[in-house]
C-alpha cells in the first residue's frame, strides 16, 4: 500500500517536472534552446560532460544520438535516470553515469561529439580536461563548450585560487581565453555566440528572488507568467552572461 502511494506521488512529481522541463531556470532553458541548434544529428556517440539535469543530453538524444551524460553529482545521475525512464526514453541510447571529469578517459570510450556546458568554470585544471576531451574525440569530432562570460557584472567577481569544492573556481572566460586554451590542443573554433541578454537576466532574477524568499511552488506561477517575455531574448548581446563556441577536432588525414 505504502509502495503504491509512493509511486503515485513519484508519477505526479515527474508529470509536473515534464511540464516544466527543462526547469524554471531561464538560462538553462536558453542554452537548451540555442545550443542544440549546433548539435550534430544522427546515430553518433555524444558525451555530455557535466550533464546537470540532462536537458542537453535529451536534446542530443532527440537528434538521434547515442548519449552518455556524466556528472560528479550522484543525485543528478539518479534523478536523470529515473526521469528519462519515466519519459520512456531508450535506455540504450540515453544513459547517465557518475564520473569525475579528471578520470574521463577511464570510460574507455571515444565520442563523435562532446557537450560541456557551464562546467569548466568549476574545474581548476581546465587545460587537462580539454586535453582529455581532444583525446577521446574521434577525428573530425565536435566539442560544444559554453561557460560564463567573465566580464559580465554577475560573473566578474575577481575569483582566483578558489578551492575546487563544487563552486566556481574562476569568473569564467572570454572568447580570447577560449582561443588560447583550445587552439594549441588542435581544436578549430567554427562558431561563436553570446547567450543571456539583459532582458533574460532581469526576468530570471525576478524568478530567483521569489524562489529564494518563498520557495519553488510560489515561483512557478511567476515563471509561467513571465516566460512569454523570453521570446524577446536575443543572441549575442553586447555583454552576454555566457559564451559558447563550437570546435572541430581536425581529421589529421585530411589536413
Protein backbone atom coordinates (compact mmCIF):
# COMPACT_ATOMS: atom_id res chain seq x y z
CA UNK A 1 0.00 0.00 0.00
CA UNK A 2 2.74 2.44 1.01
CA UNK A 3 4.72 1.49 -2.10
CA UNK A 4 1.70 2.29 -4.29
CA UNK A 5 1.24 5.69 -2.63
CA UNK A 6 4.92 6.49 -3.13
CA UNK A 7 4.64 5.50 -6.79
CA UNK A 8 1.63 7.79 -7.25
CA UNK A 9 3.48 10.73 -5.69
CA UNK A 10 6.54 9.96 -7.82
CA UNK A 11 4.49 9.90 -11.01
CA UNK A 12 2.80 13.18 -10.10
CA UNK A 13 6.21 14.75 -9.42
CA UNK A 14 7.58 13.52 -12.75
CA UNK A 15 4.47 14.73 -14.58
CA UNK A 16 4.98 18.24 -13.16
CA UNK A 17 8.69 18.06 -13.97
CA UNK A 18 7.85 17.04 -17.54
CA UNK A 19 5.52 20.04 -17.87
CA UNK A 20 8.21 22.44 -16.61
CA UNK A 21 11.24 20.73 -18.19
CA UNK A 22 14.00 21.81 -18.52
CA UNK A 23 13.06 23.79 -15.41
CA UNK A 24 12.34 27.34 -14.31
CA UNK A 25 15.99 28.42 -14.64
CA UNK A 26 15.75 30.62 -17.73
CA UNK A 27 19.45 30.34 -18.51
CA UNK A 28 19.21 26.55 -18.63
CA UNK A 29 16.23 26.92 -20.96
CA UNK A 30 18.15 29.40 -23.12
CA UNK A 31 21.09 27.02 -23.54
CA UNK A 32 18.76 24.13 -24.25
CA UNK A 33 17.04 26.15 -26.97
CA UNK A 34 20.01 27.69 -28.73
CA UNK A 35 22.97 25.36 -28.22
CA UNK A 36 21.11 22.32 -29.50
CA UNK A 37 20.82 24.02 -32.90
CA UNK A 38 24.55 23.41 -33.30
CA UNK A 39 24.50 19.74 -32.26
CA UNK A 40 25.21 17.00 -34.78
CA UNK A 41 22.26 14.81 -35.70
CA UNK A 42 22.14 11.12 -36.50
CA UNK A 43 23.42 7.91 -34.94
CA UNK A 44 26.59 9.32 -33.43
CA UNK A 45 28.05 8.96 -29.93
CA UNK A 46 27.73 12.02 -27.72
CA UNK A 47 29.20 12.73 -24.30
CA UNK A 48 27.51 15.33 -22.11
CA UNK A 49 30.33 16.19 -19.70
CA UNK A 50 28.72 17.74 -16.63
CA UNK A 51 25.17 16.87 -17.64
CA UNK A 52 23.26 18.68 -14.86
CA UNK A 53 19.56 17.90 -15.18
CA UNK A 54 20.08 16.22 -18.54
CA UNK A 55 18.50 18.96 -20.68
CA UNK A 56 21.25 18.99 -23.30
CA UNK A 57 21.65 15.22 -23.17
CA UNK A 58 17.98 14.93 -24.01
CA UNK A 59 18.28 17.39 -26.91
CA UNK A 60 21.09 15.29 -28.39
CA UNK A 61 19.04 12.13 -27.84
CA UNK A 62 16.12 13.66 -29.76
CA UNK A 63 18.51 14.26 -32.66
CA UNK A 64 19.16 10.52 -32.85
CA UNK A 65 22.43 10.45 -30.89
CA UNK A 66 23.54 7.73 -28.52
CA UNK A 67 24.19 9.85 -25.43
CA UNK A 68 26.16 9.34 -22.25
CA UNK A 69 25.68 12.03 -19.62
CA UNK A 70 28.23 12.13 -16.82
CA UNK A 71 28.32 14.10 -13.59
CA UNK A 72 30.22 14.24 -10.31
CA UNK A 73 26.84 14.69 -8.62
CA UNK A 74 25.34 11.29 -7.83
CA UNK A 75 21.91 12.82 -7.16
CA UNK A 76 21.82 14.18 -10.71
CA UNK A 77 22.59 10.74 -12.08
CA UNK A 78 19.85 9.03 -10.06
CA UNK A 79 17.27 11.72 -10.85
CA UNK A 80 18.07 11.85 -14.55
CA UNK A 81 17.97 8.07 -14.91
CA UNK A 82 14.57 7.87 -13.22
CA UNK A 83 13.07 10.88 -15.02
CA UNK A 84 14.04 9.85 -18.54
CA UNK A 85 12.87 6.33 -17.82
CA UNK A 86 9.52 7.94 -16.93
CA UNK A 87 9.62 9.64 -20.36
CA UNK A 88 10.11 6.20 -21.94
CA UNK A 89 13.46 7.12 -23.43
CA UNK A 90 15.53 4.29 -24.89
CA UNK A 91 17.91 3.40 -22.05
CA UNK A 92 20.41 2.08 -24.61
CA UNK A 93 20.63 5.48 -26.28
CA UNK A 94 20.38 7.74 -23.23
CA UNK A 95 22.45 6.80 -20.20
CA UNK A 96 23.80 8.61 -17.17
CA UNK A 97 26.88 7.66 -15.18
CA UNK A 98 28.79 9.02 -12.21
CA UNK A 99 32.23 10.18 -13.36
CA UNK A 100 34.82 12.71 -12.28
CA UNK A 101 35.93 14.56 -15.42
CA UNK A 102 39.54 14.21 -14.33
CA UNK A 103 39.02 10.49 -14.91
CA UNK A 104 37.01 10.79 -18.11
CA UNK A 105 39.41 8.60 -20.07
CA UNK A 106 38.64 5.73 -17.69
CA UNK A 107 35.35 5.34 -19.56
CA UNK A 108 37.43 3.75 -22.34
CA UNK A 109 35.12 5.20 -24.96
CA UNK A 110 35.51 7.54 -27.89
CA UNK A 111 32.91 10.06 -28.99
CA UNK A 112 31.89 11.98 -32.08
CA UNK A 113 30.59 14.91 -30.08
CA UNK A 114 31.19 16.32 -26.59
CA UNK A 115 28.94 18.81 -24.84
CA UNK A 116 30.43 20.72 -21.91
CA UNK A 117 28.09 23.44 -20.69
CA UNK A 118 28.56 25.55 -17.55
CA UNK A 119 31.06 23.05 -16.16
CA UNK A 120 34.63 24.06 -16.98
CA UNK A 121 34.48 27.09 -14.66
CA UNK A 122 34.13 24.63 -11.75
CA UNK A 123 37.38 22.82 -12.61
CA UNK A 124 40.83 24.02 -11.58
CA UNK A 125 42.85 22.22 -14.26
CA UNK A 126 40.72 23.17 -17.24
CA UNK A 127 43.58 22.58 -19.67
CA UNK A 128 43.85 18.94 -18.61
CA UNK A 129 40.11 18.41 -19.09
CA UNK A 130 40.14 19.96 -22.57
CA UNK A 131 43.16 17.85 -23.50
CA UNK A 132 41.25 14.74 -22.39
CA UNK A 133 38.26 15.82 -24.49
CA UNK A 134 40.53 16.14 -27.51
CA UNK A 135 41.97 12.68 -26.94
CA UNK A 136 38.61 10.91 -26.62
CA UNK A 137 37.05 12.68 -29.61
CA UNK A 138 37.14 10.88 -32.93
CA UNK A 139 38.90 12.71 -35.79
CA UNK A 140 36.52 15.32 -37.14
CA UNK A 141 34.61 15.29 -33.84
CA UNK A 142 32.99 18.34 -32.28
CA UNK A 143 33.28 19.99 -28.87
CA UNK A 144 30.47 22.28 -27.75
CA UNK A 145 31.78 24.50 -24.96
CA UNK A 146 29.69 27.01 -23.02
CA UNK A 147 30.84 28.87 -19.90
CA UNK A 148 30.13 32.13 -18.06
CA UNK A 149 31.46 35.27 -19.72
CA UNK A 150 33.99 36.53 -17.21
CA UNK A 151 33.35 40.23 -17.91
CA UNK A 152 29.61 40.15 -17.19
CA UNK A 153 28.77 42.03 -13.98
CA UNK A 154 27.28 38.91 -12.40
CA UNK A 155 30.41 36.89 -13.12
CA UNK A 156 33.17 39.46 -12.74
CA UNK A 157 33.89 38.83 -9.05
CA UNK A 158 37.68 38.51 -9.29
CA UNK A 159 37.63 34.85 -8.21
CA UNK A 160 41.16 33.45 -8.14
CA UNK A 161 42.75 30.41 -6.49
CA UNK A 162 39.34 29.24 -5.24
CA UNK A 163 39.32 25.70 -3.77
CA UNK A 164 37.72 23.13 -6.06
CA UNK A 165 34.69 22.32 -3.91
CA UNK A 166 31.91 22.32 -6.48
CA UNK A 167 31.59 26.09 -6.87
CA UNK A 168 33.16 28.36 -9.46
CA UNK A 169 36.95 28.39 -9.30
CA UNK A 170 37.15 31.30 -11.79
CA UNK A 171 34.85 34.02 -13.06
CA UNK A 172 34.59 32.44 -16.49
CA UNK A 173 36.17 33.02 -19.89
CA UNK A 174 36.36 35.39 -22.82
CA UNK A 175 36.49 34.34 -26.47
CA UNK A 176 40.20 35.15 -26.38
CA UNK A 177 40.60 32.77 -23.43
CA UNK A 178 38.87 30.06 -25.45
CA UNK A 179 41.25 30.60 -28.36
CA UNK A 180 44.29 30.42 -26.09
CA UNK A 181 43.08 27.19 -24.48
CA UNK A 182 41.67 25.36 -27.48
CA UNK A 183 43.84 26.24 -30.47
CA UNK A 184 47.13 24.82 -29.08
CA UNK A 185 45.34 21.50 -28.45
CA UNK A 186 44.31 21.17 -32.09
CA UNK A 187 40.74 22.46 -31.95
CA UNK A 188 39.44 24.88 -34.56
CA UNK A 189 36.65 27.22 -33.43
CA UNK A 190 33.96 27.40 -36.10
CA UNK A 191 31.09 29.15 -34.28
CA UNK A 192 30.84 31.76 -31.52
CA UNK A 193 27.71 33.06 -29.82
CA UNK A 194 26.81 35.01 -26.71
CA UNK A 195 23.87 33.95 -24.53
CA UNK A 196 21.92 35.68 -21.80
CA UNK A 197 20.62 39.12 -22.74
CA UNK A 198 19.87 41.82 -20.13
CA UNK A 199 16.16 41.01 -20.52
CA UNK A 200 16.70 37.32 -19.79
CA UNK A 201 18.91 38.11 -16.79
CA UNK A 202 16.31 40.54 -15.41
CA UNK A 203 13.41 38.08 -15.74
CA UNK A 204 15.45 35.24 -14.27
CA UNK A 205 16.46 37.44 -11.33
CA UNK A 206 12.78 38.03 -10.51
CA UNK A 207 12.01 34.31 -10.57
CA UNK A 208 15.07 33.50 -8.44
CA UNK A 209 14.14 36.21 -5.92
CA UNK A 210 10.67 34.74 -5.45
CA UNK A 211 12.05 31.19 -5.29
CA UNK A 212 14.73 32.08 -2.74
CA UNK A 213 12.35 34.01 -0.47
CA UNK A 214 9.17 31.99 -0.72
CA UNK A 215 10.14 28.62 -2.22
CA UNK A 216 9.79 26.85 -5.53
CA UNK A 217 6.00 26.46 -5.58
CA UNK A 218 5.21 30.23 -5.38
CA UNK A 219 7.88 30.82 -8.05
CA UNK A 220 6.21 28.55 -10.61
CA UNK A 221 3.23 30.85 -11.42
CA UNK A 222 5.65 33.80 -11.68
CA UNK A 223 7.75 31.73 -14.08
CA UNK A 224 4.70 30.82 -16.19
CA UNK A 225 3.58 34.46 -16.24
CA UNK A 226 6.98 35.82 -17.32
CA UNK A 227 8.08 33.03 -19.65
CA UNK A 228 6.39 34.51 -22.78
CA UNK A 229 8.62 37.59 -22.45
CA UNK A 230 11.65 35.43 -23.27
CA UNK A 231 10.65 35.46 -26.94
CA UNK A 232 12.29 38.90 -26.98
CA UNK A 233 15.57 37.45 -25.71
CA UNK A 234 18.29 37.89 -28.31
CA UNK A 235 21.57 36.18 -29.06
CA UNK A 236 24.91 37.99 -28.96
CA UNK A 237 24.06 40.86 -26.61
CA UNK A 238 26.80 43.38 -26.02
CA UNK A 239 27.69 41.75 -22.69
CA UNK A 240 26.35 38.17 -22.59
CA UNK A 241 26.03 36.15 -19.43
CA UNK A 242 27.59 33.08 -21.11
CA UNK A 243 29.60 32.46 -24.25
CA UNK A 244 29.56 29.37 -26.47
CA UNK A 245 31.97 28.01 -29.07
CA UNK A 246 31.69 25.07 -31.43
CA UNK A 247 35.10 23.50 -32.00
CA UNK A 248 36.22 20.93 -34.55
CA UNK A 249 38.91 18.34 -33.99
CA UNK A 250 40.65 18.31 -37.31
CA UNK A 251 40.99 14.96 -39.06
CA UNK A 252 44.78 14.56 -39.37
CA UNK A 253 44.33 12.57 -42.58
CA UNK A 254 42.53 15.46 -44.24
CA UNK A 255 44.77 18.30 -43.14
